[in-house]
């Protein structure tokens, strides 16, 4: 049985914890330190964005500063998390040869989560592993994990939610909490849980550590001996600390661009969100700069930055971009557990489509508000879309027809105005009531021979359901709606079932523009 070091570090600041993470991984990668299990805690409270995330996209920095919540960046990928003084983190820093792998696989994440599943069992809770890298209790997440590498070493880390300050977390992360009510906060509780909620008490921190220690010894077949940092680790840690306190590290992912020349698109796969922000050279039809952000895990860590560099200067043509991205993945220059080049090419295809809208006289700022499915913009409009799909959430919440297909055309909301625009072009207007209703309508339309449709929805909805639209098989143009959506209000579940109580607004100028282009193409 191999002996590993158990490193139980005291509560530290976010910068100190991140600096120590890199210190331990770097020295282990050079074979200079022992295989280690580390426990870590934070003081003061902190928000940590994933390695590939932008602080301005994920964190309410003003609130964090006022509340004394530190902001920092992990050396591992994944999503932004709030870490207060009560939470416990655990880490595995070891030689890759221990697992017989040079790159992580989905199976390795299961292997590294099972010890914590066992620890929860020892604490009296029945937990299970949830792919890609979470641990849950009856469908509610209690621990998330992530990982990275350096030379011959892996670092994997996870959290244990002991107690959960929902209110502070919502205010730290980018959710418009001023519009949140008690039921929205309750909806967060439906997806996550913690030891106190499950046990009715918060176990002593040493009891939790003991259970996790036992889980790792059992599943990895190791013996843990409590140890301290080596002299070399202490020296390198002090050298790195200044950098991990700096904006150079914290704001390392910091897309800078003029909104007049940028096109954005995102794709949500089961393994994570990929978001592209492309700064375009409009006259030259080339990529001037590109920023890739998201909550996925990538190996090696710098692989994503190398991919960005490889894409700069590429012509905004599908063949050139596909060839570059595919070769990058095929050459093994980047590896993302559970994801492939296809997950990156889907949002890039949308960006290419959006850019080509310029050729039809669409202003660049409007290009970002238009998405397509099952065909190009030109192909879809040439099919003369005969159906206009409108979301019920844009109706007046007090309208007696809010949960109905029809509209009074009373002029009290943008749905009535949109219906009039559709009627002027002899289109069938349909108000969609839920996700299932949308799928049923698309299926019916395809069966009845409808050639194409124009629809209005929020960008998060399209991003989440882009594959569902593709599977429906009906060509369509989707126009983004305005104002706060159910996704921003954390009410996606209510909207999915047709019970969203707030009101969004259709972009009528955008709808008029696209309908005008349709009419123009039909006359060609």
Protein backbone atom coordinates (compact mmCIF):
# COMPACT_ATOMS: atom_id res chain seq x y z
CA UNK A 1 0.00 0.00 0.00
CA UNK A 2 1.42 3.36 -1.07
CA UNK A 3 1.73 6.16 1.49
CA UNK A 4 0.52 9.63 0.49
CA UNK A 5 0.79 12.91 2.35
CA UNK A 6 -2.33 14.41 3.95
CA UNK A 7 -1.94 18.18 3.85
CA UNK A 8 -4.52 19.92 6.07
CA UNK A 9 -3.88 23.60 5.46
CA UNK A 10 -5.49 26.31 7.63
CA UNK A 11 -8.11 28.72 6.19
CA UNK A 12 -6.39 31.03 3.71
CA UNK A 13 -7.27 33.85 1.34
CA UNK A 14 -8.32 33.09 -2.24
CA UNK A 15 -4.96 34.21 -3.63
CA UNK A 16 -3.08 32.06 -1.10
CA UNK A 17 -5.14 28.98 -1.91
CA UNK A 18 -4.69 29.46 -5.67
CA UNK A 19 -0.95 30.11 -5.34
CA UNK A 20 -0.56 26.96 -3.25
CA UNK A 21 -2.55 24.94 -5.81
CA UNK A 22 -0.13 25.89 -8.57
CA UNK A 23 2.88 25.38 -6.30
CA UNK A 24 1.86 21.83 -5.38
CA UNK A 25 0.97 20.92 -8.97
CA UNK A 26 4.10 22.40 -10.50
CA UNK A 27 6.50 20.72 -8.08
CA UNK A 28 4.64 17.42 -8.31
CA UNK A 29 4.88 17.66 -12.10
CA UNK A 30 8.64 17.91 -11.71
CA UNK A 31 8.68 14.92 -9.36
CA UNK A 32 9.88 16.97 -6.37
CA UNK A 33 7.01 16.45 -3.90
CA UNK A 34 4.92 13.52 -2.66
CA UNK A 35 1.48 12.47 -3.86
CA UNK A 36 -0.92 14.49 -1.72
CA UNK A 37 -4.50 14.80 -0.52
CA UNK A 38 -5.13 18.38 0.58
CA UNK A 39 -7.94 19.94 2.61
CA UNK A 40 -8.52 23.66 2.09
CA UNK A 41 -10.79 26.40 3.41
CA UNK A 42 -11.23 30.09 2.61
CA UNK A 43 -11.14 33.16 4.83
CA UNK A 44 -12.42 35.66 3.91
CA UNK A 45 -15.25 34.48 1.66
CA UNK A 46 -14.46 34.29 -2.04
CA UNK A 47 -15.93 33.95 -5.49
CA UNK A 48 -13.77 31.84 -7.80
CA UNK A 49 -14.28 31.88 -11.55
CA UNK A 50 -13.16 28.94 -13.65
CA UNK A 51 -9.86 29.17 -15.54
CA UNK A 52 -11.60 29.98 -18.83
CA UNK A 53 -14.22 32.38 -17.49
CA UNK A 54 -14.27 36.18 -17.56
CA UNK A 55 -14.92 37.89 -14.22
CA UNK A 56 -17.13 40.56 -15.82
CA UNK A 57 -19.35 37.87 -17.34
CA UNK A 58 -19.79 35.82 -14.16
CA UNK A 59 -19.39 38.04 -11.08
CA UNK A 60 -21.07 41.12 -9.58
CA UNK A 61 -17.76 42.75 -8.68
CA UNK A 62 -19.27 45.87 -7.07
CA UNK A 63 -21.31 43.82 -4.61
CA UNK A 64 -18.33 41.58 -3.79
CA UNK A 65 -16.16 44.60 -2.99
CA UNK A 66 -18.86 46.11 -0.75
CA UNK A 67 -19.46 42.80 1.03
CA UNK A 68 -15.79 41.95 1.52
CA UNK A 69 -15.96 38.90 -0.77
CA UNK A 70 -12.68 38.26 -2.58
CA UNK A 71 -12.61 37.52 -6.30
CA UNK A 72 -10.05 35.19 -7.80
CA UNK A 73 -9.51 32.64 -10.55
CA UNK A 74 -8.98 28.87 -10.20
CA UNK A 75 -6.24 27.05 -12.05
CA UNK A 76 -8.92 24.51 -13.00
CA UNK A 77 -11.82 24.97 -15.41
CA UNK A 78 -15.53 24.82 -14.66
CA UNK A 79 -18.06 27.38 -13.49
CA UNK A 80 -17.95 30.23 -10.98
CA UNK A 81 -18.50 29.23 -7.35
CA UNK A 82 -19.03 31.01 -4.04
CA UNK A 83 -16.83 29.71 -1.23
CA UNK A 84 -17.60 30.93 2.31
CA UNK A 85 -15.77 30.10 5.54
CA UNK A 86 -17.93 27.05 6.21
CA UNK A 87 -17.14 25.18 2.99
CA UNK A 88 -14.51 22.49 2.75
CA UNK A 89 -12.42 21.84 -0.31
CA UNK A 90 -10.45 18.69 -1.08
CA UNK A 91 -7.71 18.09 -3.63
CA UNK A 92 -5.77 15.21 -5.14
CA UNK A 93 -2.28 16.09 -6.42
CA UNK A 94 -0.52 13.04 -7.78
CA UNK A 95 1.59 11.55 -10.52
CA UNK A 96 -0.32 10.68 -13.71
CA UNK A 97 1.19 7.20 -13.65
CA UNK A 98 -0.87 6.39 -10.54
CA UNK A 99 -3.98 6.22 -12.77
CA UNK A 100 -2.14 5.03 -15.87
CA UNK A 101 -3.43 7.99 -17.90
CA UNK A 102 -1.79 10.92 -19.67
CA UNK A 103 -5.07 12.83 -20.07
CA UNK A 104 -8.21 12.80 -17.90
CA UNK A 105 -11.25 10.85 -19.05
CA UNK A 106 -14.88 10.90 -17.89
CA UNK A 107 -14.12 7.59 -16.15
CA UNK A 108 -11.34 9.21 -14.14
CA UNK A 109 -13.72 11.81 -12.76
CA UNK A 110 -15.97 9.01 -11.53
CA UNK A 111 -12.98 7.32 -9.89
CA UNK A 112 -12.09 10.54 -8.06
CA UNK A 113 -15.66 11.25 -6.98
CA UNK A 114 -16.35 7.80 -5.52
CA UNK A 115 -14.24 8.45 -2.37
CA UNK A 116 -16.45 11.45 -1.54
CA UNK A 117 -19.59 9.42 -2.28
CA UNK A 118 -18.31 6.95 0.31
CA UNK A 119 -17.52 9.81 2.72
CA UNK A 120 -21.12 11.02 2.49
CA UNK A 121 -22.30 7.48 3.18
CA UNK A 122 -20.16 7.46 6.33
CA UNK A 123 -21.88 10.69 7.33
CA UNK A 124 -25.29 9.02 6.89
CA UNK A 125 -26.22 10.24 3.40
CA UNK A 126 -26.89 8.30 0.19
CA UNK A 127 -25.07 10.09 -2.63
CA UNK A 128 -24.31 9.20 -6.25
CA UNK A 129 -21.92 10.34 -8.97
CA UNK A 130 -23.49 12.52 -11.68
CA UNK A 131 -21.58 12.86 -14.95
CA UNK A 132 -19.61 14.82 -15.92
CA UNK A 133 -18.06 15.60 -12.53
CA UNK A 134 -20.64 16.22 -9.79
CA UNK A 135 -21.88 14.39 -6.71
CA UNK A 136 -25.59 14.58 -5.92
CA UNK A 137 -28.16 13.55 -3.34
CA UNK A 138 -31.55 12.73 -4.88
CA UNK A 139 -30.79 14.94 -7.87
CA UNK A 140 -29.40 17.88 -5.89
CA UNK A 141 -25.71 18.77 -6.24
CA UNK A 142 -23.65 18.69 -3.04
CA UNK A 143 -20.16 18.58 -4.53
CA UNK A 144 -18.59 19.66 -7.82
CA UNK A 145 -15.12 18.78 -9.08
CA UNK A 146 -12.57 19.98 -11.62
CA UNK A 147 -9.03 19.26 -12.66
CA UNK A 148 -5.90 20.33 -14.48
CA UNK A 149 -2.38 19.07 -15.19
CA UNK A 150 1.28 20.05 -15.31
CA UNK A 151 4.01 17.90 -16.83
CA UNK A 152 3.65 14.45 -15.21
CA UNK A 153 1.07 15.43 -12.58
CA UNK A 154 -2.69 15.83 -12.19
CA UNK A 155 -4.54 18.10 -9.77
CA UNK A 156 -8.20 17.34 -9.08
CA UNK A 157 -10.26 19.36 -6.65
CA UNK A 158 -13.76 19.32 -5.26
CA UNK A 159 -16.02 21.11 -2.81
CA UNK A 160 -18.18 19.86 0.02
CA UNK A 161 -21.20 22.08 0.66
CA UNK A 162 -21.50 21.96 4.44
CA UNK A 163 -23.86 24.92 4.77
CA UNK A 164 -25.15 27.16 1.98
CA UNK A 165 -25.67 30.93 2.02
CA UNK A 166 -27.99 31.16 -1.01
CA UNK A 167 -28.68 34.86 -0.61
CA UNK A 168 -25.01 35.92 -0.70
CA UNK A 169 -24.18 33.53 -3.54
CA UNK A 170 -26.95 35.01 -5.71
CA UNK A 171 -25.71 38.51 -5.05
CA UNK A 172 -22.09 37.61 -5.83
CA UNK A 173 -22.80 35.83 -9.10
CA UNK A 174 -24.38 37.52 -12.11
CA UNK A 175 -28.07 37.03 -11.34
CA UNK A 176 -30.37 40.09 -11.20
CA UNK A 177 -31.25 39.56 -7.54
CA UNK A 178 -33.16 42.81 -7.27
CA UNK A 179 -35.89 41.00 -9.23
CA UNK A 180 -35.65 37.76 -7.29
CA UNK A 181 -38.41 36.70 -4.93
CA UNK A 182 -38.46 33.95 -2.33
CA UNK A 183 -39.62 31.37 -4.87
CA UNK A 184 -36.63 32.08 -7.14
CA UNK A 185 -34.30 31.48 -4.20
CA UNK A 186 -36.24 28.29 -3.49
CA UNK A 187 -35.61 27.17 -7.07
CA UNK A 188 -31.86 27.28 -6.38
CA UNK A 189 -32.41 25.01 -3.40
CA UNK A 190 -34.10 22.51 -5.69
CA UNK A 191 -30.84 22.03 -7.60
CA UNK A 192 -28.24 22.11 -4.82
CA UNK A 193 -28.07 20.91 -1.25
CA UNK A 194 -25.67 20.83 1.70
CA UNK A 195 -24.91 18.75 4.77
CA UNK A 196 -26.95 20.97 7.10
CA UNK A 197 -30.08 20.72 4.93
CA UNK A 198 -29.74 16.96 4.57
CA UNK A 199 -28.72 16.06 8.14
CA UNK A 200 -30.48 18.83 10.04
CA UNK A 201 -27.09 19.77 11.48
CA UNK A 202 -23.64 20.78 10.30
CA UNK A 203 -21.15 18.06 11.28
CA UNK A 204 -17.91 19.10 12.93
CA UNK A 205 -15.30 19.89 10.29
CA UNK A 206 -12.96 17.20 11.63
CA UNK A 207 -15.73 14.61 11.28
CA UNK A 208 -16.15 15.60 7.61
CA UNK A 209 -12.41 15.49 6.98
CA UNK A 210 -12.19 12.08 8.65
CA UNK A 211 -14.91 10.68 6.39
CA UNK A 212 -13.26 12.06 3.23
CA UNK A 213 -9.90 10.72 4.36
CA UNK A 214 -11.38 7.26 4.87
CA UNK A 215 -13.04 7.40 1.44
CA UNK A 216 -9.79 8.19 -0.37
CA UNK A 217 -7.80 5.56 1.53
CA UNK A 218 -10.43 2.93 0.69
CA UNK A 219 -10.92 3.71 -3.01
CA UNK A 220 -7.36 4.61 -4.00
CA UNK A 221 -5.80 1.88 -1.88
CA UNK A 222 -3.46 4.31 -0.13
CA UNK A 223 -2.41 5.19 3.39
CA UNK A 224 -2.50 8.88 4.35
CA UNK A 225 0.04 10.35 6.74
CA UNK A 226 -0.37 13.92 7.97
CA UNK A 227 2.46 16.10 6.71
CA UNK A 228 3.58 19.69 6.20
CA UNK A 229 4.75 21.76 3.25
CA UNK A 230 8.33 21.10 2.21
CA UNK A 231 10.88 23.91 2.27
CA UNK A 232 10.84 24.07 -1.54
CA UNK A 233 7.03 24.28 -1.54
CA UNK A 234 7.06 27.14 0.98
CA UNK A 235 9.63 29.10 -1.04
CA UNK A 236 7.84 28.67 -4.38
CA UNK A 237 4.49 29.50 -2.76
CA UNK A 238 5.87 32.84 -1.53
CA UNK A 239 7.27 33.57 -5.00
CA UNK A 240 3.89 32.93 -6.65
CA UNK A 241 1.69 34.73 -4.15
CA UNK A 242 2.15 38.22 -5.57
CA UNK A 243 1.08 37.09 -9.05
CA UNK A 244 -2.06 35.36 -7.78
CA UNK A 245 -3.06 38.57 -5.99
CA UNK A 246 -2.65 40.60 -9.19
CA UNK A 247 -5.20 41.70 -11.77
CA UNK A 248 -2.93 40.09 -14.36
CA UNK A 249 -4.06 36.71 -12.98
CA UNK A 250 -7.58 37.52 -11.81
CA UNK A 251 -8.53 39.28 -15.06
CA UNK A 252 -6.50 36.97 -17.27
CA UNK A 253 -9.62 36.23 -19.35
CA UNK A 254 -10.79 39.74 -20.11
CA UNK A 255 -12.33 40.20 -23.56
CA UNK A 256 -11.76 43.79 -24.71
CA UNK A 257 -13.56 44.93 -27.81
CA UNK A 258 -15.84 47.55 -29.30
CA UNK A 259 -19.40 46.30 -29.49
CA UNK A 260 -19.56 47.84 -32.95
CA UNK A 261 -17.32 45.09 -34.33
CA UNK A 262 -18.11 41.99 -32.29
CA UNK A 263 -20.22 38.89 -32.95
CA UNK A 264 -21.08 36.44 -30.19
CA UNK A 265 -22.57 32.97 -30.00
CA UNK A 266 -22.72 30.14 -27.47
CA UNK A 267 -23.50 26.43 -27.37
CA UNK A 268 -24.49 24.41 -24.32
CA UNK A 269 -23.59 20.75 -24.55
CA UNK A 270 -24.22 18.21 -21.77
CA UNK A 271 -20.57 18.72 -20.77
CA UNK A 272 -20.54 22.50 -20.50
CA UNK A 273 -21.08 25.92 -22.05
CA UNK A 274 -18.82 27.21 -24.85
CA UNK A 275 -19.07 30.94 -25.62
CA UNK A 276 -17.30 32.66 -28.54
CA UNK A 277 -16.76 36.41 -28.80
CA UNK A 278 -15.27 37.22 -32.20
CA UNK A 279 -13.94 40.67 -33.07
CA UNK A 280 -14.29 41.00 -36.84
CA UNK A 281 -12.44 42.89 -39.54
CA UNK A 282 -15.55 43.75 -41.54
CA UNK A 283 -13.92 44.99 -44.78
CA UNK A 284 -11.44 42.10 -44.85
CA UNK A 285 -14.04 39.52 -43.69
CA UNK A 286 -11.56 38.05 -41.24
CA UNK A 287 -11.26 37.28 -37.54
CA UNK A 288 -9.39 40.14 -35.87
CA UNK A 289 -9.50 38.59 -32.41
CA UNK A 290 -11.35 35.79 -30.64
CA UNK A 291 -12.16 35.04 -27.01
CA UNK A 292 -13.37 31.59 -25.93
CA UNK A 293 -14.93 31.35 -22.49
CA UNK A 294 -17.02 28.76 -20.66
CA UNK A 295 -17.37 26.37 -17.75
CA UNK A 296 -15.69 23.34 -19.34
CA UNK A 297 -12.44 21.62 -18.32
CA UNK A 298 -9.58 21.70 -20.82
CA UNK A 299 -6.16 20.05 -20.92
CA UNK A 300 -3.56 21.43 -21.14
CA UNK A 301 -4.76 24.63 -19.44
CA UNK A 302 -3.18 26.89 -22.06
CA UNK A 303 -4.66 24.88 -24.93
CA UNK A 304 -7.61 27.24 -25.26
CA UNK A 305 -5.36 30.29 -25.56
CA UNK A 306 -3.36 28.50 -28.25
CA UNK A 307 -6.60 27.78 -30.13
CA UNK A 308 -7.54 31.47 -29.94
CA UNK A 309 -4.15 32.38 -31.38
CA UNK A 310 -4.54 29.84 -34.20
CA UNK A 311 -7.89 31.38 -35.20
CA UNK A 312 -6.75 35.01 -35.34
CA UNK A 313 -6.55 36.25 -38.91
CA UNK A 314 -8.63 33.39 -40.35
CA UNK A 315 -11.13 34.32 -43.07
CA UNK A 316 -14.73 34.18 -41.85
CA UNK A 317 -15.47 31.18 -44.04
CA UNK A 318 -16.82 27.85 -42.82
CA UNK A 319 -14.19 25.72 -44.61
CA UNK A 320 -11.20 27.62 -43.19
CA UNK A 321 -12.54 27.77 -39.62
CA UNK A 322 -13.62 24.11 -39.57
CA UNK A 323 -10.25 22.95 -40.89
CA UNK A 324 -8.34 24.98 -38.27
CA UNK A 325 -10.44 23.92 -35.27
CA UNK A 326 -10.67 20.25 -36.29
CA UNK A 327 -6.92 19.95 -36.86
CA UNK A 328 -6.27 21.54 -33.45
CA UNK A 329 -8.34 18.84 -31.73
CA UNK A 330 -7.10 15.99 -33.96
CA UNK A 331 -3.46 16.90 -33.26
CA UNK A 332 -4.16 16.56 -29.52
CA UNK A 333 -3.28 20.19 -28.82
CA UNK A 334 -6.36 20.39 -26.62
CA UNK A 335 -8.49 17.77 -24.87
CA UNK A 336 -11.83 18.42 -23.17
CA UNK A 337 -13.42 15.46 -21.36
CA UNK A 338 -16.73 14.60 -23.02
CA UNK A 339 -16.40 17.26 -25.73
CA UNK A 340 -14.99 17.38 -29.27
CA UNK A 341 -14.40 19.91 -32.01
CA UNK A 342 -18.09 19.57 -32.94
CA UNK A 343 -19.11 21.35 -29.72
CA UNK A 344 -16.88 24.28 -30.71
CA UNK A 345 -17.92 24.36 -34.36
CA UNK A 346 -21.64 24.71 -33.63
CA UNK A 347 -21.39 28.21 -32.13
CA UNK A 348 -18.77 29.14 -34.74
CA UNK A 349 -21.19 28.19 -37.51
CA UNK A 350 -23.73 30.55 -35.94
CA UNK A 351 -21.11 33.33 -35.90
CA UNK A 352 -20.37 32.79 -39.59
CA UNK A 353 -24.10 32.94 -40.35
CA UNK A 354 -24.50 36.10 -38.29
CA UNK A 355 -21.58 37.79 -40.07
CA UNK A 356 -22.99 36.95 -43.49
CA UNK A 357 -26.14 38.90 -42.62
CA UNK A 358 -24.12 42.05 -43.31
CA UNK A 359 -24.37 41.20 -47.01
CA UNK A 360 -28.14 41.68 -46.78
CA UNK A 361 -27.87 45.11 -45.22
CA UNK A 362 -28.36 43.97 -41.62
CA UNK A 363 -26.45 46.26 -39.19
CA UNK A 364 -23.75 44.39 -37.27
CA UNK A 365 -25.44 45.12 -33.92
CA UNK A 366 -28.57 43.37 -35.22
CA UNK A 367 -26.58 40.40 -36.53
CA UNK A 368 -26.00 39.28 -32.94
CA UNK A 369 -29.77 39.12 -32.39
CA UNK A 370 -30.45 36.66 -35.23
CA UNK A 371 -29.88 32.89 -35.19
CA UNK A 372 -30.79 30.19 -37.70
CA UNK A 373 -31.57 26.49 -37.59
CA UNK A 374 -31.61 23.85 -40.33
CA UNK A 375 -30.37 26.13 -43.09
CA UNK A 376 -28.70 29.42 -43.90
CA UNK A 377 -30.46 32.76 -43.51
CA UNK A 378 -30.83 33.11 -47.28
CA UNK A 379 -32.04 29.52 -47.77
CA UNK A 380 -34.65 29.91 -45.04
CA UNK A 381 -36.06 33.23 -46.31
CA UNK A 382 -36.21 31.89 -49.86
CA UNK A 383 -38.52 29.17 -48.53
CA UNK A 384 -40.94 32.01 -47.67
CA UNK A 385 -41.60 31.30 -43.99
CA UNK A 386 -45.35 31.10 -43.51
CA UNK A 387 -45.53 30.82 -39.70
CA UNK A 388 -44.60 33.34 -37.02
CA UNK A 389 -43.93 31.77 -33.60
CA UNK A 390 -44.27 34.12 -30.64
CA UNK A 391 -43.58 33.45 -26.92
CA UNK A 392 -46.45 33.70 -24.44
CA UNK A 393 -44.09 35.46 -22.00
CA UNK A 394 -44.26 38.62 -24.14
CA UNK A 395 -48.01 38.96 -23.54
CA UNK A 396 -49.32 41.20 -20.78
CA UNK A 397 -49.32 39.05 -17.58
CA UNK A 398 -52.91 40.20 -16.95
CA UNK A 399 -54.14 39.29 -20.44
CA UNK A 400 -56.88 36.66 -20.38
CA UNK A 401 -55.24 35.09 -23.44
CA UNK A 402 -51.73 34.84 -21.94
CA UNK A 403 -52.07 31.05 -21.72
CA UNK A 404 -53.89 30.78 -25.05
CA UNK A 405 -52.75 30.57 -28.67
CA UNK A 406 -54.69 33.61 -29.80
CA UNK A 407 -54.34 37.37 -29.39
CA UNK A 408 -56.92 40.21 -29.09
CA UNK A 409 -54.65 42.54 -31.13
CA UNK A 410 -55.42 45.19 -28.50
CA UNK A 411 -52.04 46.89 -28.79
CA UNK A 412 -51.27 46.51 -25.07
CA UNK A 413 -48.19 44.35 -25.68
CA UNK A 414 -45.67 43.64 -28.43
CA UNK A 415 -47.28 40.29 -29.28
CA UNK A 416 -50.30 42.04 -30.79
CA UNK A 417 -48.05 44.32 -32.85
CA UNK A 418 -46.03 41.32 -34.05
CA UNK A 419 -49.24 39.48 -35.00
CA UNK A 420 -50.30 42.43 -37.15
CA UNK A 421 -46.93 42.35 -38.91
CA UNK A 422 -47.38 38.65 -39.56
CA UNK A 423 -50.96 39.05 -40.77
CA UNK A 424 -49.86 41.76 -43.23
CA UNK A 425 -47.64 39.11 -44.82
CA UNK A 426 -50.32 36.40 -44.65
CA UNK A 427 -48.39 34.43 -42.03
CA UNK A 428 -49.98 32.15 -39.43
CA UNK A 429 -49.38 33.55 -35.93
CA UNK A 430 -48.89 30.99 -33.14
CA UNK A 431 -48.25 31.85 -29.49
CA UNK A 432 -46.08 29.11 -27.96
CA UNK A 433 -47.08 28.12 -24.42
CA UNK A 434 -44.25 25.80 -23.32
CA UNK A 435 -41.25 23.85 -24.59
CA UNK A 436 -43.42 20.79 -25.24
CA UNK A 437 -45.90 22.96 -27.10
CA UNK A 438 -43.06 24.29 -29.27
CA UNK A 439 -41.89 20.78 -30.15
CA UNK A 440 -45.46 19.71 -30.96
CA UNK A 441 -46.00 22.74 -33.20
CA UNK A 442 -42.73 22.20 -35.05
CA UNK A 443 -43.64 18.55 -35.58
CA UNK A 444 -47.11 19.48 -36.83
CA UNK A 445 -45.76 22.16 -39.14
CA UNK A 446 -43.24 19.81 -40.69
CA UNK A 447 -45.90 17.13 -41.20
CA UNK A 448 -48.20 19.66 -42.89
CA UNK A 449 -45.45 20.74 -45.28
CA UNK A 450 -44.60 24.15 -43.81
CA UNK A 451 -41.37 25.20 -45.51
CA UNK A 452 -39.92 27.44 -42.81
CA UNK A 453 -40.78 29.65 -39.84
CA UNK A 454 -39.70 32.83 -38.12
CA UNK A 455 -39.71 32.77 -34.33
CA UNK A 456 -38.91 35.02 -31.37
CA UNK A 457 -37.17 33.75 -28.24
CA UNK A 458 -34.45 34.73 -25.78
CA UNK A 459 -30.86 33.85 -26.64
CA UNK A 460 -30.40 31.59 -23.57
CA UNK A 461 -33.41 29.52 -24.69
CA UNK A 462 -32.00 29.06 -28.18
CA UNK A 463 -28.53 28.28 -26.81
CA UNK A 464 -29.96 25.59 -24.54
CA UNK A 465 -32.24 24.06 -27.19
CA UNK A 466 -30.23 24.47 -30.40
CA UNK A 467 -29.99 20.68 -30.74
CA UNK A 468 -33.75 20.31 -30.18
CA UNK A 469 -34.43 22.79 -32.98
CA UNK A 470 -32.07 20.85 -35.25
CA UNK A 471 -33.75 17.54 -34.42
CA UNK A 472 -37.16 19.03 -35.23
CA UNK A 473 -35.79 19.43 -38.76
CA UNK A 474 -37.73 22.56 -39.75
CA UNK A 475 -35.77 25.53 -41.14
CA UNK A 476 -36.21 28.68 -39.08
CA UNK A 477 -34.91 32.13 -38.22
CA UNK A 478 -34.90 32.96 -34.48
CA UNK A 479 -34.97 36.59 -33.33
CA UNK A 480 -33.84 37.58 -29.85
CA UNK A 481 -36.39 39.17 -27.52
CA UNK A 482 -35.72 42.13 -25.25
CA UNK A 483 -35.62 42.72 -21.49
CA UNK A 484 -35.28 40.32 -18.60
CA UNK A 485 -35.93 36.72 -19.50
CA UNK A 486 -36.85 33.74 -17.38
CA UNK A 487 -33.24 32.51 -17.56
CA UNK A 488 -31.96 35.72 -15.99
CA UNK A 489 -34.65 35.48 -13.34
CA UNK A 490 -33.78 31.82 -12.61
CA UNK A 491 -37.27 30.80 -13.69
CA UNK A 492 -36.38 28.62 -16.66
CA UNK A 493 -38.31 25.70 -15.18
CA UNK A 494 -41.47 27.80 -14.83
CA UNK A 495 -41.13 29.08 -18.41
CA UNK A 496 -40.49 25.56 -19.71
CA UNK A 497 -43.89 24.56 -18.30
CA UNK A 498 -45.62 27.77 -19.36
CA UNK A 499 -45.83 29.37 -15.90
CA UNK A 500 -43.43 32.33 -16.20
CA UNK A 501 -45.18 35.28 -14.55
CA UNK A 502 -43.08 38.24 -15.72
CA UNK A 503 -43.14 39.90 -19.15
CA UNK A 504 -40.56 40.10 -21.93
CA UNK A 505 -40.79 42.25 -25.05
CA UNK A 506 -40.37 41.43 -28.73
CA UNK A 507 -37.88 43.40 -30.79
CA UNK A 508 -40.35 44.79 -33.32
CA UNK A 509 -37.74 46.75 -35.30
CA UNK A 510 -35.73 43.57 -35.78
CA UNK A 511 -38.85 41.62 -36.76
CA UNK A 512 -39.83 44.29 -39.30
CA UNK A 513 -36.31 44.22 -40.75
CA UNK A 514 -36.32 40.44 -41.25
CA UNK A 515 -39.87 40.37 -42.61
CA UNK A 516 -38.87 43.13 -45.03
CA UNK A 517 -35.88 41.10 -46.21
CA UNK A 518 -38.15 38.08 -46.66
CA UNK A 519 -40.50 40.14 -48.82
CA UNK A 520 -37.58 41.53 -50.80
CA UNK A 521 -36.14 38.05 -51.47
CA UNK A 522 -39.55 36.71 -52.43
CA UNK A 523 -39.78 39.40 -55.08
CA UNK A 524 -36.39 38.55 -56.59
